[in-house]
Amino acid sequence: MIRFDNVSKRYENGHEALRQLNLTIAEGEMCFLTGHSGAGKSTLLKLIMRMEKASQGQVFINGQNLSRMGSGQVPYLRRNIGVVFQNHQLLFDRSVFDNVALPLMIEGTDPSDIGRRVRAALDKVGLLKKEKLNPIMLSGGEQQRVGIARAVVNKPPILLADEPTGNLDPQLSSEIMNLFEQFNEVGVTVLIASHDLSLIARMGHRVLTLSEGQLVTDGGML
């Protein structure tokens, strides 16, 4: 599903964010990615989304070599990857419904199908009754749930999350992580970057630890 073969990433300012990284995440697996600030977690996620290209080595998603992918193919790759951000990145000039519908509208989904799919996603995250509200009226935890609904509305096989509980209290953090587990239980491959070591330890999934751009531990639960 996701494979890194000897991948390094050096930015134009000379900073080497990843160094000779070898990693495989199987289809349907749930993993946590941790490490100190600047360890390379966000860069790794950006390489999967092809927001960045590897300076060396190969990144494969579903057998597809991203290094050989033309720019015109990138939008099709991203349709198969849902992304959840720490700061939600919601549009506050649109309703909850319209925020979740955005990926489907971009894809050109039949309008008659959008309503059903958006409401199914909102129902999954417990926000079906708030579809008409502006996201600014929601709590931080609810805004994060809108972000998750938007990430999964087109049923991507891969779900990435970058510090999805960074701004939430422990109880809300646990609820958000349980949502990710529910998606994983139906076959979605889930990779979550997080600093919350105590929460990760309670989840009991594979943990990948980066330090100075290198993978220093793989597989052991915290």
Protein backbone atom coordinates (compact mmCIF):
# COMPACT_ATOMS: atom_id res chain seq x y z
CA MET A 1 0.00 0.00 0.00
CA ILE A 2 2.69 2.54 1.10
CA ARG A 3 6.38 1.84 0.55
CA PHE A 4 9.49 3.99 0.94
CA ASP A 5 12.65 2.60 -0.66
CA ASN A 6 15.83 4.37 0.49
CA VAL A 7 14.08 7.75 0.50
CA SER A 8 15.84 11.00 1.33
CA LYS A 9 14.43 14.51 1.15
CA ARG A 10 16.69 17.55 1.09
CA TYR A 11 15.13 21.01 0.83
CA GLU A 12 16.63 23.86 -1.17
CA ASN A 13 17.99 25.47 2.01
CA GLY A 14 20.09 22.35 2.57
CA HIS A 15 17.99 20.87 5.37
CA GLU A 16 17.80 17.10 5.07
CA ALA A 17 14.36 16.23 6.43
CA LEU A 18 14.52 12.48 5.69
CA ARG A 19 17.55 10.24 5.29
CA GLN A 20 17.59 6.84 3.59
CA LEU A 21 14.16 5.87 4.86
CA ASN A 22 12.91 2.33 4.26
CA LEU A 23 9.35 1.65 5.32
CA THR A 24 6.34 -0.45 4.31
CA ILE A 25 2.78 0.01 5.55
CA ALA A 26 0.42 -2.78 4.53
CA GLU A 27 -3.05 -2.33 3.13
CA GLY A 28 -5.55 -2.03 5.97
CA GLU A 29 -2.91 -1.30 8.62
CA MET A 30 -3.12 1.44 11.27
CA CYS A 31 0.15 3.05 12.35
CA PHE A 32 1.34 5.99 14.41
CA LEU A 33 4.24 8.19 13.35
CA THR A 34 6.04 9.99 16.15
CA GLY A 35 9.28 11.81 16.88
CA HIS A 36 10.52 15.20 18.03
CA SER A 37 9.49 18.43 16.31
CA GLY A 38 11.41 18.60 13.04
CA ALA A 39 12.05 14.85 12.95
CA GLY A 40 10.52 14.58 9.47
CA LYS A 41 6.93 13.48 10.19
CA SER A 42 5.20 16.17 8.12
CA THR A 43 7.67 15.71 5.27
CA LEU A 44 6.91 11.99 5.19
CA LEU A 45 3.17 12.71 4.92
CA LYS A 46 3.78 15.30 2.19
CA LEU A 47 5.74 12.76 0.16
CA ILE A 48 2.80 10.34 0.33
CA MET A 49 0.48 13.09 -0.94
CA ARG A 50 3.06 14.17 -3.56
CA MET A 51 3.08 17.68 -2.08
CA GLU A 52 6.85 17.11 -2.08
CA LYS A 53 9.06 14.84 -4.19
CA ALA A 54 11.84 12.65 -2.83
CA SER A 55 15.38 13.88 -3.50
CA GLN A 56 16.55 10.27 -3.57
CA GLY A 57 14.85 6.89 -3.55
CA GLN A 58 11.33 5.84 -4.50
CA VAL A 59 7.90 6.26 -2.91
CA PHE A 60 5.20 3.79 -3.95
CA ILE A 61 1.47 4.07 -3.29
CA ASN A 62 -0.56 1.02 -4.37
CA GLY A 63 2.37 -0.01 -6.53
CA GLN A 64 2.53 3.36 -8.27
CA ASN A 65 5.94 5.05 -8.30
CA LEU A 66 5.32 8.68 -7.27
CA SER A 67 8.75 9.74 -8.51
CA ARG A 68 7.66 8.92 -12.05
CA MET A 69 4.21 10.43 -11.73
CA GLY A 70 3.43 13.42 -13.93
CA SER A 71 1.81 16.49 -12.40
CA GLY A 72 -1.42 15.70 -14.25
CA GLN A 73 -1.73 12.40 -12.37
CA VAL A 74 -1.37 13.93 -8.89
CA PRO A 75 -5.05 14.94 -8.49
CA TYR A 76 -6.08 11.34 -9.17
CA LEU A 77 -3.59 10.09 -6.56
CA ARG A 78 -5.00 12.50 -3.97
CA ARG A 79 -8.55 11.27 -4.54
CA ASN A 80 -7.40 8.05 -2.90
CA ILE A 81 -5.92 9.81 0.14
CA GLY A 82 -7.96 11.52 2.84
CA VAL A 83 -6.06 14.08 4.93
CA VAL A 84 -6.88 15.45 8.40
CA PHE A 85 -4.99 18.50 9.64
CA GLN A 86 -4.36 19.78 13.17
CA ASN A 87 -5.88 23.20 12.41
CA HIS A 88 -8.88 21.72 10.54
CA GLN A 89 -8.44 24.02 7.49
CA LEU A 90 -12.19 24.55 7.25
CA LEU A 91 -13.86 27.29 5.20
CA PHE A 92 -15.74 29.60 7.54
CA ASP A 93 -17.72 31.23 4.74
CA ARG A 94 -19.46 27.90 4.07
CA SER A 95 -21.69 25.58 6.06
CA VAL A 96 -20.61 22.30 7.60
CA PHE A 97 -22.39 20.50 4.76
CA ASP A 98 -20.57 22.50 2.08
CA ASN A 99 -17.18 21.95 3.74
CA VAL A 100 -17.67 18.20 3.69
CA ALA A 101 -19.06 18.27 0.14
CA LEU A 102 -16.03 20.10 -1.25
CA PRO A 103 -13.96 17.04 -2.30
CA LEU A 104 -16.99 15.56 -4.08
CA MET A 105 -17.67 18.83 -5.90
CA ILE A 106 -14.04 19.02 -7.02
CA GLU A 107 -14.25 15.44 -8.31
CA GLY A 108 -17.40 16.24 -10.26
CA THR A 109 -19.61 13.82 -8.32
CA ASP A 110 -23.22 13.69 -9.50
CA PRO A 111 -25.10 16.35 -7.44
CA SER A 112 -27.85 13.83 -6.70
CA ASP A 113 -25.26 11.67 -4.94
CA ILE A 114 -23.50 14.40 -2.96
CA GLY A 115 -26.20 14.90 -0.33
CA ARG A 116 -26.39 11.21 0.54
CA ARG A 117 -22.63 10.82 0.82
CA VAL A 118 -22.11 14.01 2.84
CA ARG A 119 -24.82 13.07 5.33
CA ALA A 120 -23.43 9.55 5.67
CA ALA A 121 -20.01 11.02 6.52
CA LEU A 122 -21.49 13.51 8.99
CA ASP A 123 -23.54 10.75 10.60
CA LYS A 124 -20.38 8.69 11.05
CA VAL A 125 -18.72 11.49 13.03
CA GLY A 126 -21.88 12.38 14.97
CA LEU A 127 -22.61 15.75 13.36
CA LEU A 128 -25.59 15.00 11.14
CA LYS A 129 -27.79 17.52 12.95
CA LYS A 130 -25.26 20.33 12.49
CA GLU A 131 -24.91 20.27 8.70
CA LYS A 132 -26.44 23.75 8.25
CA LEU A 133 -24.25 25.49 10.83
CA ASN A 134 -21.17 27.55 10.10
CA PRO A 135 -18.10 25.68 11.40
CA ILE A 136 -17.11 28.71 13.49
CA MET A 137 -20.12 27.92 15.70
CA LEU A 138 -18.71 24.50 16.59
CA SER A 139 -16.29 23.48 19.32
CA GLY A 140 -12.71 22.54 18.47
CA GLY A 141 -13.52 18.86 18.72
CA GLU A 142 -16.54 19.26 16.45
CA GLN A 143 -14.49 21.20 13.91
CA GLN A 144 -11.99 18.35 13.86
CA ARG A 145 -14.86 15.92 13.24
CA VAL A 146 -15.95 18.03 10.25
CA GLY A 147 -12.38 17.76 8.96
CA ILE A 148 -12.51 13.99 9.35
CA ALA A 149 -15.87 13.77 7.58
CA ARG A 150 -14.45 15.80 4.70
CA ALA A 151 -11.40 13.51 4.53
CA VAL A 152 -13.48 10.31 4.31
CA VAL A 153 -16.51 11.50 2.30
CA ASN A 154 -15.18 10.01 -0.94
CA LYS A 155 -14.18 6.76 0.84
CA PRO A 156 -10.42 6.92 0.23
CA PRO A 157 -8.43 3.73 0.90
CA ILE A 158 -5.73 5.75 2.72
CA LEU A 159 -6.29 8.21 5.57
CA LEU A 160 -3.47 10.46 6.81
CA ALA A 161 -3.64 12.68 9.88
CA ASP A 162 -1.07 15.29 10.95
CA GLU A 163 -1.35 15.95 14.72
CA PRO A 164 -5.16 15.59 14.62
CA THR A 165 -5.52 15.87 18.41
CA GLY A 166 -2.86 18.53 19.02
CA ASN A 167 -5.39 21.18 20.10
CA LEU A 168 -7.83 18.91 21.94
CA ASP A 169 -8.19 17.81 25.56
CA PRO A 170 -7.53 14.15 26.50
CA GLN A 171 -11.17 13.01 26.33
CA LEU A 172 -11.77 14.58 22.90
CA SER A 173 -8.43 13.20 21.72
CA SER A 174 -9.53 9.68 22.64
CA GLU A 175 -12.83 10.15 20.83
CA ILE A 176 -11.07 11.32 17.67
CA MET A 177 -8.64 8.38 17.78
CA ASN A 178 -11.55 5.98 18.22
CA LEU A 179 -13.05 7.40 15.03
CA PHE A 180 -9.83 6.62 13.17
CA GLU A 181 -9.97 3.07 14.52
CA GLN A 182 -13.52 2.68 13.23
CA PHE A 183 -12.40 3.63 9.73
CA ASN A 184 -9.47 1.25 10.00
CA GLU A 185 -11.83 -1.57 11.03
CA VAL A 186 -13.57 -1.32 7.64
CA GLY A 187 -10.29 -1.63 5.75
CA VAL A 188 -8.94 1.92 5.51
CA THR A 189 -5.15 2.24 5.84
CA VAL A 190 -4.52 4.85 8.56
CA LEU A 191 -1.28 6.72 9.31
CA ILE A 192 -1.36 9.29 12.13
CA ALA A 193 1.49 11.65 13.05
CA SER A 194 1.25 12.54 16.73
CA HIS A 195 3.27 13.79 19.72
CA ASP A 196 0.79 12.32 22.21
CA LEU A 197 2.83 9.33 23.40
CA SER A 198 0.48 8.35 26.24
CA LEU A 199 -2.51 8.24 23.90
CA ILE A 200 -0.53 6.29 21.29
CA ALA A 201 0.50 3.76 23.95
CA ARG A 202 -3.13 3.16 24.89
CA MET A 203 -4.14 2.56 21.27
CA GLY A 204 -1.92 -0.51 20.84
CA HIS A 205 -0.98 -0.12 17.16
CA ARG A 206 2.34 -0.16 15.33
CA VAL A 207 4.51 2.87 16.12
CA LEU A 208 7.10 4.36 13.77
CA THR A 209 9.56 6.76 15.41
CA LEU A 210 11.62 9.28 13.45
CA SER A 211 14.71 11.09 14.75
CA GLU A 212 16.73 13.50 12.64
CA GLY A 213 15.00 12.22 9.52
CA GLN A 214 15.76 8.56 10.18
CA LEU A 215 13.52 5.72 11.26
CA VAL A 216 14.84 4.68 14.69
CA THR A 217 12.06 2.33 15.86
CA ASP A 218 9.45 0.38 13.92
CA GLY A 219 6.72 -1.90 15.11
CA GLY A 220 7.09 -1.88 18.87
CA MET A 221 4.13 -0.51 20.78
CA LEU A 222 5.06 2.19 23.29
